[in-house]
Amino acid sequence: MSEVRLAAEQRTEFGKGAARRTRRAGKIPAVLYGHGSDPKHLALPALEFARAVREHGSNAVLTLNIGDGAELALTKTITTHPLKNYIEHVDLLLVKRGEKVTVDIPLTITGDAASGTLITHDLSALSIEVEALHIPDGIEFSIEGAVAGTQILAGAIPLPAGATLVTDPEALVVAVNAAPTAEQMDADGSEAPAAAPVSEGDEG
């Protein structure tokens, strides 16, 4: 994952009114914390930050130019408006080069299981510990040719070099089940209660 550079400004006003003014100015209120330092209240450029998340994912590592200095930060929490879908606030975690962080990485299934099977996807992401500047965008794993009865656990998913699994290795990620036959589906349908007939007096 490549670094993204953003110009950040320190905020001196706080509260809902100040946050609204920040957003009206085309910026996003943010807080940078970590390593025992006092939290820094920042304003991030809204368009540039949204582009970084869109192109690099929610685990984007940012190089924040703050005044004459720069800080590395991991995007931890993005709060969006429930109706209007704009970013209301961002929490950022201060990181150092070479430091390992724990992040949730999305999983993508590739390949096709054996014919006559159905796939149940129990986990859509894995939690891993990885160096802050080498966070993968995603993790792919194949189910090519998997037969009914196959279960893929978190511990069986290949991880990028240098990454350590944090998710329980026994957690079920994918189960391959036998697809129901036409006869089974018909039998299930026949068990449904029939609709009660409507008498003439009930109409209307």
N, C-alpha and C. Protein backbone atom coordinates (compact mmCIF):
# COMPACT_ATOMS: atom_id res chain seq x y z
N MET A 1 0.85 -1.19 0.00
CA MET A 1 0.00 0.00 0.00
C MET A 1 0.89 1.25 0.00
N SER A 2 0.67 2.15 -0.95
CA SER A 2 1.49 3.35 -1.03
C SER A 2 0.99 4.41 -0.06
N GLU A 3 1.93 5.30 0.31
CA GLU A 3 1.56 6.38 1.22
C GLU A 3 0.81 7.47 0.46
N VAL A 4 -0.03 8.18 1.18
CA VAL A 4 -0.78 9.29 0.61
C VAL A 4 -0.46 10.54 1.41
N ARG A 5 -0.11 11.60 0.74
CA ARG A 5 0.23 12.84 1.43
C ARG A 5 -0.97 13.80 1.43
N LEU A 6 -1.26 14.34 2.62
CA LEU A 6 -2.34 15.31 2.76
C LEU A 6 -1.84 16.49 3.59
N ALA A 7 -2.29 17.66 3.22
CA ALA A 7 -2.00 18.85 4.03
C ALA A 7 -3.09 18.96 5.10
N ALA A 8 -2.68 18.91 6.36
CA ALA A 8 -3.63 18.98 7.47
C ALA A 8 -3.42 20.27 8.26
N GLU A 9 -4.51 20.82 8.76
CA GLU A 9 -4.43 22.02 9.59
C GLU A 9 -4.85 21.69 11.01
N GLN A 10 -4.21 22.31 11.98
CA GLN A 10 -4.62 22.11 13.37
C GLN A 10 -5.85 22.95 13.66
N ARG A 11 -6.82 22.35 14.37
CA ARG A 11 -8.04 23.06 14.74
C ARG A 11 -7.90 23.62 16.15
N THR A 12 -8.41 24.82 16.31
CA THR A 12 -8.41 25.45 17.64
C THR A 12 -9.82 25.63 18.19
N GLU A 13 -10.83 25.38 17.32
CA GLU A 13 -12.22 25.47 17.75
C GLU A 13 -12.80 24.06 17.82
N PHE A 14 -13.67 23.83 18.82
CA PHE A 14 -14.24 22.50 19.00
C PHE A 14 -15.75 22.62 19.18
N GLY A 15 -16.42 21.46 19.17
CA GLY A 15 -17.86 21.45 19.33
C GLY A 15 -18.57 21.30 17.99
N LYS A 16 -19.90 21.11 18.06
CA LYS A 16 -20.68 20.86 16.85
C LYS A 16 -20.66 22.05 15.90
N GLY A 17 -20.75 23.25 16.45
CA GLY A 17 -20.74 24.43 15.59
C GLY A 17 -19.43 24.57 14.83
N ALA A 18 -18.32 24.36 15.54
CA ALA A 18 -17.01 24.44 14.89
C ALA A 18 -16.85 23.36 13.84
N ALA A 19 -17.37 22.15 14.14
CA ALA A 19 -17.28 21.05 13.17
C ALA A 19 -18.06 21.38 11.91
N ARG A 20 -19.24 21.99 12.07
CA ARG A 20 -20.03 22.38 10.89
C ARG A 20 -19.28 23.42 10.06
N ARG A 21 -18.65 24.37 10.73
CA ARG A 21 -17.90 25.40 9.99
C ARG A 21 -16.73 24.76 9.24
N THR A 22 -16.09 23.79 9.87
CA THR A 22 -14.98 23.10 9.21
C THR A 22 -15.46 22.39 7.95
N ARG A 23 -16.60 21.71 8.05
CA ARG A 23 -17.13 20.99 6.88
C ARG A 23 -17.59 21.95 5.79
N ARG A 24 -18.16 23.09 6.20
CA ARG A 24 -18.58 24.07 5.18
C ARG A 24 -17.38 24.62 4.42
N ALA A 25 -16.22 24.61 5.06
CA ALA A 25 -15.00 25.10 4.40
C ALA A 25 -14.35 24.02 3.53
N GLY A 26 -15.03 22.87 3.37
CA GLY A 26 -14.50 21.82 2.52
C GLY A 26 -13.49 20.93 3.21
N LYS A 27 -13.55 20.90 4.54
CA LYS A 27 -12.59 20.09 5.29
C LYS A 27 -13.34 19.14 6.23
N ILE A 28 -12.62 18.14 6.73
CA ILE A 28 -13.20 17.12 7.62
C ILE A 28 -12.55 17.23 8.99
N PRO A 29 -13.33 17.37 10.06
CA PRO A 29 -12.74 17.34 11.41
C PRO A 29 -12.12 15.96 11.67
N ALA A 30 -10.93 15.95 12.27
CA ALA A 30 -10.24 14.70 12.56
C ALA A 30 -9.48 14.82 13.86
N VAL A 31 -9.21 13.68 14.48
CA VAL A 31 -8.39 13.63 15.69
C VAL A 31 -7.29 12.61 15.45
N LEU A 32 -6.05 13.01 15.74
CA LEU A 32 -4.88 12.14 15.63
C LEU A 32 -4.40 11.81 17.03
N TYR A 33 -4.31 10.51 17.35
CA TYR A 33 -3.89 10.12 18.69
C TYR A 33 -2.97 8.90 18.60
N GLY A 34 -2.32 8.58 19.73
CA GLY A 34 -1.47 7.40 19.77
C GLY A 34 -0.10 7.70 20.34
N HIS A 35 0.61 6.64 20.74
CA HIS A 35 1.97 6.72 21.29
C HIS A 35 2.04 7.60 22.53
N GLY A 36 0.93 7.68 23.26
CA GLY A 36 0.95 8.43 24.51
C GLY A 36 0.98 9.93 24.36
N SER A 37 0.88 10.41 23.14
CA SER A 37 0.91 11.87 22.91
C SER A 37 -0.48 12.45 23.08
N ASP A 38 -0.54 13.75 23.32
CA ASP A 38 -1.84 14.42 23.41
C ASP A 38 -2.53 14.37 22.05
N PRO A 39 -3.84 14.15 22.02
CA PRO A 39 -4.56 14.14 20.75
C PRO A 39 -4.40 15.47 20.01
N LYS A 40 -4.25 15.37 18.69
CA LYS A 40 -4.19 16.57 17.85
C LYS A 40 -5.49 16.68 17.08
N HIS A 41 -6.13 17.84 17.20
CA HIS A 41 -7.37 18.09 16.48
C HIS A 41 -7.03 18.74 15.15
N LEU A 42 -7.42 18.05 14.07
CA LEU A 42 -7.01 18.47 12.74
C LEU A 42 -8.21 18.70 11.82
N ALA A 43 -7.93 19.37 10.70
CA ALA A 43 -8.90 19.50 9.61
C ALA A 43 -8.22 18.96 8.36
N LEU A 44 -8.87 17.96 7.73
CA LEU A 44 -8.32 17.33 6.53
C LEU A 44 -9.08 17.82 5.29
N PRO A 45 -8.40 17.96 4.16
CA PRO A 45 -9.11 18.34 2.93
C PRO A 45 -10.08 17.24 2.52
N ALA A 46 -11.36 17.58 2.44
CA ALA A 46 -12.41 16.57 2.25
C ALA A 46 -12.25 15.80 0.95
N LEU A 47 -12.06 16.48 -0.16
CA LEU A 47 -11.99 15.79 -1.45
C LEU A 47 -10.77 14.89 -1.53
N GLU A 48 -9.63 15.37 -1.07
CA GLU A 48 -8.41 14.58 -1.14
C GLU A 48 -8.48 13.36 -0.23
N PHE A 49 -9.07 13.54 0.97
CA PHE A 49 -9.18 12.40 1.88
C PHE A 49 -10.14 11.35 1.30
N ALA A 50 -11.28 11.78 0.78
CA ALA A 50 -12.24 10.85 0.19
C ALA A 50 -11.61 10.09 -0.98
N ARG A 51 -10.79 10.77 -1.77
CA ARG A 51 -10.12 10.11 -2.90
C ARG A 51 -9.12 9.07 -2.38
N ALA A 52 -8.40 9.40 -1.31
CA ALA A 52 -7.43 8.46 -0.74
C ALA A 52 -8.12 7.19 -0.26
N VAL A 53 -9.25 7.35 0.41
CA VAL A 53 -9.98 6.18 0.90
C VAL A 53 -10.55 5.37 -0.26
N ARG A 54 -11.04 6.07 -1.27
CA ARG A 54 -11.61 5.38 -2.43
C ARG A 54 -10.54 4.58 -3.18
N GLU A 55 -9.35 5.14 -3.31
CA GLU A 55 -8.30 4.51 -4.09
C GLU A 55 -7.45 3.53 -3.29
N HIS A 56 -7.33 3.76 -1.98
CA HIS A 56 -6.42 2.95 -1.17
C HIS A 56 -7.13 2.18 -0.06
N GLY A 57 -8.43 2.35 0.09
CA GLY A 57 -9.19 1.61 1.08
C GLY A 57 -9.19 2.30 2.43
N SER A 58 -10.02 1.74 3.34
CA SER A 58 -10.18 2.36 4.65
C SER A 58 -8.96 2.20 5.54
N ASN A 59 -8.00 1.34 5.13
CA ASN A 59 -6.76 1.20 5.89
C ASN A 59 -5.64 2.07 5.34
N ALA A 60 -6.02 3.12 4.63
CA ALA A 60 -5.01 3.99 4.02
C ALA A 60 -4.08 4.59 5.08
N VAL A 61 -2.77 4.54 4.81
CA VAL A 61 -1.79 5.19 5.66
C VAL A 61 -1.49 6.56 5.06
N LEU A 62 -1.63 7.59 5.88
CA LEU A 62 -1.49 8.96 5.41
C LEU A 62 -0.22 9.59 5.95
N THR A 63 0.44 10.36 5.11
CA THR A 63 1.50 11.25 5.57
C THR A 63 0.88 12.63 5.70
N LEU A 64 0.71 13.08 6.94
CA LEU A 64 0.05 14.36 7.19
C LEU A 64 1.08 15.45 7.34
N ASN A 65 1.02 16.42 6.46
CA ASN A 65 1.88 17.59 6.58
C ASN A 65 1.18 18.60 7.49
N ILE A 66 1.71 18.74 8.71
CA ILE A 66 1.11 19.62 9.71
C ILE A 66 2.12 20.71 10.04
N GLY A 67 1.85 21.92 9.57
CA GLY A 67 2.81 22.99 9.78
C GLY A 67 4.13 22.67 9.12
N ASP A 68 5.23 22.71 9.89
CA ASP A 68 6.56 22.43 9.36
C ASP A 68 6.94 20.97 9.50
N GLY A 69 6.07 20.16 10.10
CA GLY A 69 6.40 18.75 10.33
C GLY A 69 5.48 17.82 9.57
N ALA A 70 5.72 16.53 9.75
CA ALA A 70 4.88 15.51 9.10
C ALA A 70 4.72 14.34 10.05
N GLU A 71 3.54 13.72 10.00
CA GLU A 71 3.24 12.57 10.83
C GLU A 71 2.64 11.47 9.96
N LEU A 72 2.96 10.21 10.31
CA LEU A 72 2.33 9.07 9.65
C LEU A 72 1.10 8.67 10.45
N ALA A 73 0.00 8.42 9.77
CA ALA A 73 -1.24 8.09 10.47
C ALA A 73 -1.99 7.01 9.72
N LEU A 74 -2.61 6.12 10.49
CA LEU A 74 -3.47 5.08 9.94
C LEU A 74 -4.92 5.49 10.16
N THR A 75 -5.72 5.37 9.12
CA THR A 75 -7.15 5.68 9.24
C THR A 75 -7.82 4.58 10.08
N LYS A 76 -8.38 4.96 11.23
CA LYS A 76 -8.99 3.97 12.12
C LYS A 76 -10.51 3.96 12.03
N THR A 77 -11.14 5.12 12.12
CA THR A 77 -12.60 5.19 12.10
C THR A 77 -13.05 6.34 11.22
N ILE A 78 -13.97 6.05 10.32
CA ILE A 78 -14.57 7.08 9.47
C ILE A 78 -16.06 7.13 9.79
N THR A 79 -16.53 8.27 10.26
CA THR A 79 -17.94 8.44 10.59
C THR A 79 -18.62 9.20 9.45
N THR A 80 -19.64 8.59 8.86
CA THR A 80 -20.36 9.24 7.77
C THR A 80 -21.78 9.60 8.22
N HIS A 81 -22.34 10.60 7.57
CA HIS A 81 -23.71 11.00 7.87
C HIS A 81 -24.65 9.89 7.44
N PRO A 82 -25.59 9.47 8.29
CA PRO A 82 -26.44 8.31 7.96
C PRO A 82 -27.35 8.52 6.76
N LEU A 83 -27.69 9.75 6.46
CA LEU A 83 -28.60 10.02 5.35
C LEU A 83 -27.91 10.65 4.15
N LYS A 84 -27.05 11.62 4.40
CA LYS A 84 -26.44 12.37 3.29
C LYS A 84 -25.12 11.77 2.82
N ASN A 85 -24.59 10.79 3.59
CA ASN A 85 -23.44 9.99 3.17
C ASN A 85 -22.15 10.79 2.97
N TYR A 86 -22.02 11.94 3.62
CA TYR A 86 -20.72 12.63 3.58
C TYR A 86 -19.96 12.27 4.85
N ILE A 87 -18.63 12.45 4.82
CA ILE A 87 -17.80 12.10 5.96
C ILE A 87 -17.91 13.20 7.02
N GLU A 88 -18.32 12.81 8.22
CA GLU A 88 -18.50 13.78 9.30
C GLU A 88 -17.25 13.93 10.15
N HIS A 89 -16.53 12.82 10.38
CA HIS A 89 -15.40 12.87 11.30
C HIS A 89 -14.48 11.68 11.02
N VAL A 90 -13.20 11.86 11.33
CA VAL A 90 -12.22 10.80 11.13
C VAL A 90 -11.34 10.68 12.37
N ASP A 91 -11.12 9.43 12.81
CA ASP A 91 -10.14 9.15 13.85
C ASP A 91 -8.90 8.56 13.19
N LEU A 92 -7.74 9.10 13.55
CA LEU A 92 -6.48 8.67 12.98
C LEU A 92 -5.55 8.17 14.08
N LEU A 93 -4.79 7.11 13.78
CA LEU A 93 -3.85 6.55 14.74
C LEU A 93 -2.43 6.87 14.29
N LEU A 94 -1.67 7.51 15.19
CA LEU A 94 -0.28 7.83 14.90
C LEU A 94 0.54 6.55 14.81
N VAL A 95 1.32 6.39 13.74
CA VAL A 95 2.16 5.21 13.57
C VAL A 95 3.58 5.64 13.21
N LYS A 96 4.52 4.71 13.41
CA LYS A 96 5.93 4.95 13.09
C LYS A 96 6.36 3.93 12.02
N ARG A 97 7.35 4.31 11.25
CA ARG A 97 7.89 3.37 10.26
C ARG A 97 8.43 2.13 10.97
N GLY A 98 8.09 0.96 10.44
CA GLY A 98 8.53 -0.28 11.04
C GLY A 98 7.61 -0.81 12.11
N GLU A 99 6.67 0.01 12.57
CA GLU A 99 5.73 -0.41 13.61
C GLU A 99 4.67 -1.33 13.02
N LYS A 100 4.26 -2.33 13.81
CA LYS A 100 3.18 -3.21 13.38
C LYS A 100 1.85 -2.73 13.96
N VAL A 101 0.80 -2.87 13.16
CA VAL A 101 -0.54 -2.46 13.56
C VAL A 101 -1.50 -3.60 13.28
N THR A 102 -2.64 -3.59 13.95
CA THR A 102 -3.68 -4.59 13.73
C THR A 102 -4.80 -3.98 12.91
N VAL A 103 -5.11 -4.60 11.78
CA VAL A 103 -6.12 -4.07 10.86
C VAL A 103 -7.00 -5.22 10.36
N ASP A 104 -8.20 -4.86 9.91
CA ASP A 104 -9.11 -5.83 9.28
C ASP A 104 -8.96 -5.72 7.76
N ILE A 105 -8.66 -6.84 7.12
CA ILE A 105 -8.42 -6.87 5.68
C ILE A 105 -9.54 -7.66 5.00
N PRO A 106 -10.17 -7.08 3.96
CA PRO A 106 -11.26 -7.80 3.28
C PRO A 106 -10.77 -9.05 2.56
N LEU A 107 -11.63 -10.07 2.55
CA LEU A 107 -11.34 -11.34 1.89
C LEU A 107 -12.08 -11.43 0.56
N THR A 108 -11.43 -12.01 -0.43
CA THR A 108 -12.04 -12.23 -1.74
C THR A 108 -11.87 -13.69 -2.13
N ILE A 109 -12.99 -14.36 -2.46
CA ILE A 109 -12.96 -15.75 -2.92
C ILE A 109 -12.71 -15.78 -4.42
N THR A 110 -11.82 -16.66 -4.85
CA THR A 110 -11.60 -16.88 -6.28
C THR A 110 -11.85 -18.35 -6.59
N GLY A 111 -12.07 -18.65 -7.86
CA GLY A 111 -12.29 -20.02 -8.29
C GLY A 111 -13.72 -20.49 -8.06
N ASP A 112 -14.00 -21.68 -8.57
CA ASP A 112 -15.33 -22.28 -8.47
C ASP A 112 -15.24 -23.60 -7.73
N ALA A 113 -16.14 -23.80 -6.79
CA ALA A 113 -16.22 -25.09 -6.10
C ALA A 113 -16.78 -26.13 -7.05
N ALA A 114 -16.75 -27.39 -6.62
CA ALA A 114 -17.28 -28.47 -7.45
C ALA A 114 -18.75 -28.24 -7.76
N SER A 115 -19.20 -28.79 -8.89
CA SER A 115 -20.60 -28.62 -9.27
C SER A 115 -21.50 -29.28 -8.24
N GLY A 116 -22.70 -28.74 -8.11
CA GLY A 116 -23.65 -29.30 -7.17
C GLY A 116 -23.40 -28.87 -5.73
N THR A 117 -22.73 -27.74 -5.55
CA THR A 117 -22.44 -27.26 -4.20
C THR A 117 -22.95 -25.84 -4.01
N LEU A 118 -23.13 -25.47 -2.76
CA LEU A 118 -23.47 -24.10 -2.37
C LEU A 118 -22.41 -23.61 -1.41
N ILE A 119 -22.05 -22.33 -1.52
CA ILE A 119 -21.00 -21.74 -0.70
C ILE A 119 -21.63 -20.87 0.39
N THR A 120 -21.21 -21.09 1.63
CA THR A 120 -21.59 -20.22 2.73
C THR A 120 -20.36 -19.44 3.18
N HIS A 121 -20.45 -18.12 3.09
CA HIS A 121 -19.31 -17.24 3.41
C HIS A 121 -19.55 -16.65 4.80
N ASP A 122 -18.82 -17.14 5.80
CA ASP A 122 -19.06 -16.71 7.18
C ASP A 122 -18.27 -15.47 7.58
N LEU A 123 -17.07 -15.31 7.04
CA LEU A 123 -16.23 -14.15 7.36
C LEU A 123 -15.90 -13.39 6.09
N SER A 124 -16.02 -12.08 6.14
CA SER A 124 -15.69 -11.26 4.97
C SER A 124 -14.37 -10.52 5.14
N ALA A 125 -13.74 -10.65 6.32
CA ALA A 125 -12.46 -9.98 6.58
C ALA A 125 -11.68 -10.77 7.62
N LEU A 126 -10.37 -10.63 7.59
CA LEU A 126 -9.49 -11.20 8.60
C LEU A 126 -8.78 -10.07 9.33
N SER A 127 -8.61 -10.25 10.61
CA SER A 127 -7.83 -9.31 11.41
C SER A 127 -6.40 -9.83 11.44
N ILE A 128 -5.45 -8.98 11.00
CA ILE A 128 -4.05 -9.37 10.97
C ILE A 128 -3.18 -8.28 11.59
N GLU A 129 -1.98 -8.68 12.02
CA GLU A 129 -0.98 -7.72 12.47
C GLU A 129 0.07 -7.63 11.37
N VAL A 130 0.37 -6.41 10.95
CA VAL A 130 1.26 -6.22 9.81
C VAL A 130 1.97 -4.88 9.94
N GLU A 131 3.10 -4.74 9.29
CA GLU A 131 3.85 -3.48 9.32
C GLU A 131 3.00 -2.38 8.70
N ALA A 132 3.00 -1.22 9.34
CA ALA A 132 2.06 -0.15 8.99
C ALA A 132 2.16 0.28 7.53
N LEU A 133 3.34 0.23 6.95
CA LEU A 133 3.50 0.68 5.57
C LEU A 133 3.39 -0.47 4.56
N HIS A 134 2.99 -1.64 5.03
CA HIS A 134 2.81 -2.78 4.12
C HIS A 134 1.46 -3.45 4.34
N ILE A 135 0.44 -2.63 4.57
CA ILE A 135 -0.91 -3.16 4.75
C ILE A 135 -1.48 -3.54 3.39
N PRO A 136 -1.89 -4.81 3.21
CA PRO A 136 -2.45 -5.20 1.92
C PRO A 136 -3.85 -4.62 1.72
N ASP A 137 -4.22 -4.41 0.46
CA ASP A 137 -5.56 -3.92 0.16
C ASP A 137 -6.60 -5.00 0.40
N GLY A 138 -6.21 -6.25 0.23
CA GLY A 138 -7.13 -7.37 0.41
C GLY A 138 -6.37 -8.68 0.39
N ILE A 139 -7.06 -9.76 0.73
CA ILE A 139 -6.48 -11.09 0.73
C ILE A 139 -7.38 -11.99 -0.12
N GLU A 140 -6.79 -12.67 -1.09
CA GLU A 140 -7.54 -13.58 -1.94
C GLU A 140 -7.23 -15.03 -1.57
N PHE A 141 -8.22 -15.89 -1.69
CA PHE A 141 -7.99 -17.32 -1.52
C PHE A 141 -8.91 -18.07 -2.46
N SER A 142 -8.47 -19.25 -2.90
CA SER A 142 -9.19 -20.00 -3.92
C SER A 142 -9.99 -21.15 -3.32
N ILE A 143 -11.18 -21.37 -3.89
CA ILE A 143 -11.98 -22.55 -3.54
C ILE A 143 -12.14 -23.44 -4.77
N GLU A 144 -11.25 -23.29 -5.73
CA GLU A 144 -11.34 -24.03 -6.98
C GLU A 144 -11.43 -25.54 -6.70
N GLY A 145 -12.50 -26.16 -7.19
CA GLY A 145 -12.66 -27.60 -7.09
C GLY A 145 -13.05 -28.11 -5.72
N ALA A 146 -13.30 -27.23 -4.75
CA ALA A 146 -13.66 -27.68 -3.40
C ALA A 146 -14.95 -28.48 -3.43
N VAL A 147 -14.97 -29.62 -2.73
CA VAL A 147 -16.13 -30.50 -2.76
C VAL A 147 -17.01 -30.25 -1.55
N ALA A 148 -18.23 -30.76 -1.61
CA ALA A 148 -19.16 -30.62 -0.49
C ALA A 148 -18.54 -31.18 0.78
N GLY A 149 -18.72 -30.46 1.87
CA GLY A 149 -18.13 -30.86 3.14
C GLY A 149 -16.84 -30.13 3.46
N THR A 150 -16.29 -29.42 2.47
CA THR A 150 -15.05 -28.66 2.70
C THR A 150 -15.33 -27.48 3.61
N GLN A 151 -14.48 -27.29 4.60
CA GLN A 151 -14.52 -26.11 5.46
C GLN A 151 -13.15 -25.44 5.44
N ILE A 152 -13.16 -24.14 5.18
CA ILE A 152 -11.90 -23.39 5.16
C ILE A 152 -11.88 -22.49 6.39
N LEU A 153 -10.89 -22.72 7.25
CA LEU A 153 -10.76 -21.96 8.49
C LEU A 153 -9.78 -20.81 8.30
N ALA A 154 -9.86 -19.84 9.21
CA ALA A 154 -9.02 -18.64 9.09
C ALA A 154 -7.54 -19.01 9.05
N GLY A 155 -7.15 -20.02 9.84
CA GLY A 155 -5.74 -20.40 9.90
C GLY A 155 -5.22 -20.98 8.60
N ALA A 156 -6.12 -21.37 7.68
CA ALA A 156 -5.69 -21.96 6.40
C ALA A 156 -5.54 -20.92 5.29
N ILE A 157 -5.91 -19.68 5.57
CA ILE A 157 -5.82 -18.64 4.54
C ILE A 157 -4.37 -18.15 4.44
N PRO A 158 -3.76 -18.21 3.25
CA PRO A 158 -2.39 -17.71 3.11
C PRO A 158 -2.34 -16.20 3.35
N LEU A 159 -1.39 -15.77 4.18
CA LEU A 159 -1.26 -14.35 4.51
C LEU A 159 -0.07 -13.74 3.77
N PRO A 160 -0.10 -12.43 3.56
CA PRO A 160 1.06 -11.76 2.96
C PRO A 160 2.30 -11.93 3.83
N ALA A 161 3.47 -11.83 3.23
CA ALA A 161 4.73 -11.97 3.96
C ALA A 161 4.79 -10.94 5.09
N GLY A 162 5.19 -11.40 6.26
CA GLY A 162 5.34 -10.49 7.40
C GLY A 162 4.08 -10.27 8.21
N ALA A 163 2.95 -10.83 7.75
CA ALA A 163 1.68 -10.64 8.45
C ALA A 163 1.44 -11.80 9.42
N THR A 164 0.78 -11.50 10.54
CA THR A 164 0.43 -12.49 11.55
C THR A 164 -1.08 -12.47 11.76
N LEU A 165 -1.69 -13.64 11.82
CA LEU A 165 -3.13 -13.73 11.99
C LEU A 165 -3.52 -13.37 13.42
N VAL A 166 -4.53 -12.48 13.56
CA VAL A 166 -5.09 -12.11 14.86
C VAL A 166 -6.44 -12.80 15.06
N THR A 167 -7.21 -12.93 13.99
CA THR A 167 -8.47 -13.66 14.06
C THR A 167 -8.22 -15.08 14.57
N ASP A 168 -9.17 -15.64 15.32
CA ASP A 168 -9.07 -17.02 15.80
C ASP A 168 -8.83 -17.94 14.61
N PRO A 169 -7.72 -18.69 14.60
CA PRO A 169 -7.43 -19.56 13.45
C PRO A 169 -8.48 -20.64 13.22
N GLU A 170 -9.30 -20.93 14.24
CA GLU A 170 -10.35 -21.94 14.09
C GLU A 170 -11.66 -21.33 13.58
N ALA A 171 -11.70 -20.03 13.37
CA ALA A 171 -12.92 -19.38 12.89
C ALA A 171 -13.23 -19.85 11.47
N LEU A 172 -14.49 -20.19 11.23
CA LEU A 172 -14.91 -20.65 9.91
C LEU A 172 -15.02 -19.47 8.94
N VAL A 173 -14.36 -19.59 7.80
CA VAL A 173 -14.42 -18.55 6.77
C VAL A 173 -15.43 -18.94 5.69
N VAL A 174 -15.27 -20.15 5.16
CA VAL A 174 -16.15 -20.62 4.08
C VAL A 174 -16.50 -22.08 4.31
N ALA A 175 -17.76 -22.42 4.09
CA ALA A 175 -18.21 -23.81 4.10
C ALA A 175 -18.78 -24.14 2.73
N VAL A 176 -18.40 -25.31 2.20
CA VAL A 176 -18.92 -25.79 0.92
C VAL A 176 -19.93 -26.89 1.23
N ASN A 177 -21.18 -26.64 0.87
CA ASN A 177 -22.26 -27.57 1.18
C ASN A 177 -22.85 -28.16 -0.10
N ALA A 178 -23.45 -29.33 0.04
CA ALA A 178 -24.14 -29.94 -1.10
C ALA A 178 -25.40 -29.14 -1.41
N ALA A 179 -25.58 -28.83 -2.67
CA ALA A 179 -26.79 -28.10 -3.06
C ALA A 179 -27.99 -29.04 -2.97
N PRO A 180 -29.16 -28.54 -2.54
CA PRO A 180 -30.34 -29.40 -2.46
C PRO A 180 -30.77 -29.85 -3.85
N THR A 181 -31.25 -31.08 -3.92
CA THR A 181 -31.73 -31.61 -5.20
C THR A 181 -33.12 -31.04 -5.49
N ALA A 182 -33.55 -31.22 -6.72
CA ALA A 182 -34.89 -30.75 -7.11
C ALA A 182 -35.95 -31.45 -6.27
N GLU A 183 -35.74 -32.77 -5.99
CA GLU A 183 -36.70 -33.51 -5.18
C GLU A 183 -36.80 -32.94 -3.77
N GLN A 184 -35.63 -32.58 -3.18
CA GLN A 184 -35.63 -32.00 -1.84
C GLN A 184 -36.35 -30.65 -1.82
N MET A 185 -36.12 -29.85 -2.87
CA MET A 185 -36.77 -28.54 -2.93
C MET A 185 -38.27 -28.70 -3.09
N ASP A 186 -38.69 -29.69 -3.90
CA ASP A 186 -40.13 -29.94 -4.06
C ASP A 186 -40.74 -30.40 -2.74
N ALA A 187 -39.99 -31.26 -2.03
CA ALA A 187 -40.50 -31.76 -0.75
C ALA A 187 -40.64 -30.63 0.25
N ASP A 188 -39.67 -29.73 0.26
CA ASP A 188 -39.75 -28.58 1.17
C ASP A 188 -40.95 -27.72 0.82
N GLY A 189 -41.20 -27.54 -0.46
CA GLY A 189 -42.30 -26.70 -0.87
C GLY A 189 -43.65 -27.33 -0.53
N SER A 190 -43.71 -28.68 -0.59
CA SER A 190 -44.99 -29.33 -0.32
C SER A 190 -45.38 -29.24 1.14
N GLU A 191 -44.39 -28.93 2.02
CA GLU A 191 -44.69 -28.85 3.43
C GLU A 191 -45.29 -27.51 3.83
N ALA A 192 -45.24 -26.55 2.91
CA ALA A 192 -45.79 -25.24 3.23
C ALA A 192 -47.31 -25.33 3.36
N PRO A 193 -47.91 -24.68 4.35
CA PRO A 193 -49.37 -24.77 4.53
C PRO A 193 -50.10 -24.14 3.36
N ALA A 194 -51.16 -24.79 2.91
CA ALA A 194 -51.94 -24.27 1.79
C ALA A 194 -52.76 -23.09 2.25
N ALA A 195 -53.00 -22.14 1.35
CA ALA A 195 -53.81 -20.96 1.69
C ALA A 195 -55.24 -21.39 1.92
N ALA A 196 -55.88 -20.83 2.94
CA ALA A 196 -57.27 -21.17 3.24
C ALA A 196 -58.19 -20.64 2.16
N PRO A 197 -59.16 -21.44 1.71
CA PRO A 197 -60.07 -20.95 0.67
C PRO A 197 -60.93 -19.80 1.19
N VAL A 198 -61.23 -18.89 0.30
CA VAL A 198 -62.05 -17.73 0.66
C VAL A 198 -63.50 -18.02 0.31
N SER A 199 -64.38 -17.95 1.27
CA SER A 199 -65.81 -18.19 0.99
C SER A 199 -66.42 -16.93 0.41
N GLU A 200 -67.59 -17.10 -0.21
CA GLU A 200 -68.21 -15.94 -0.83
C GLU A 200 -68.52 -14.85 0.18
N GLY A 201 -68.82 -15.27 1.41
CA GLY A 201 -69.16 -14.26 2.42
C GLY A 201 -67.97 -13.49 2.91
N ASP A 202 -66.77 -14.01 2.64
CA ASP A 202 -65.56 -13.33 3.10
C ASP A 202 -65.06 -12.33 2.10
N GLU A 203 -65.54 -12.36 0.86
CA GLU A 203 -64.99 -11.50 -0.18
C GLU A 203 -65.38 -10.06 0.11
N GLY A 204 -64.48 -9.15 -0.37
CA GLY A 204 -64.76 -7.74 -0.23
C GLY A 204 -64.29 -7.26 1.09
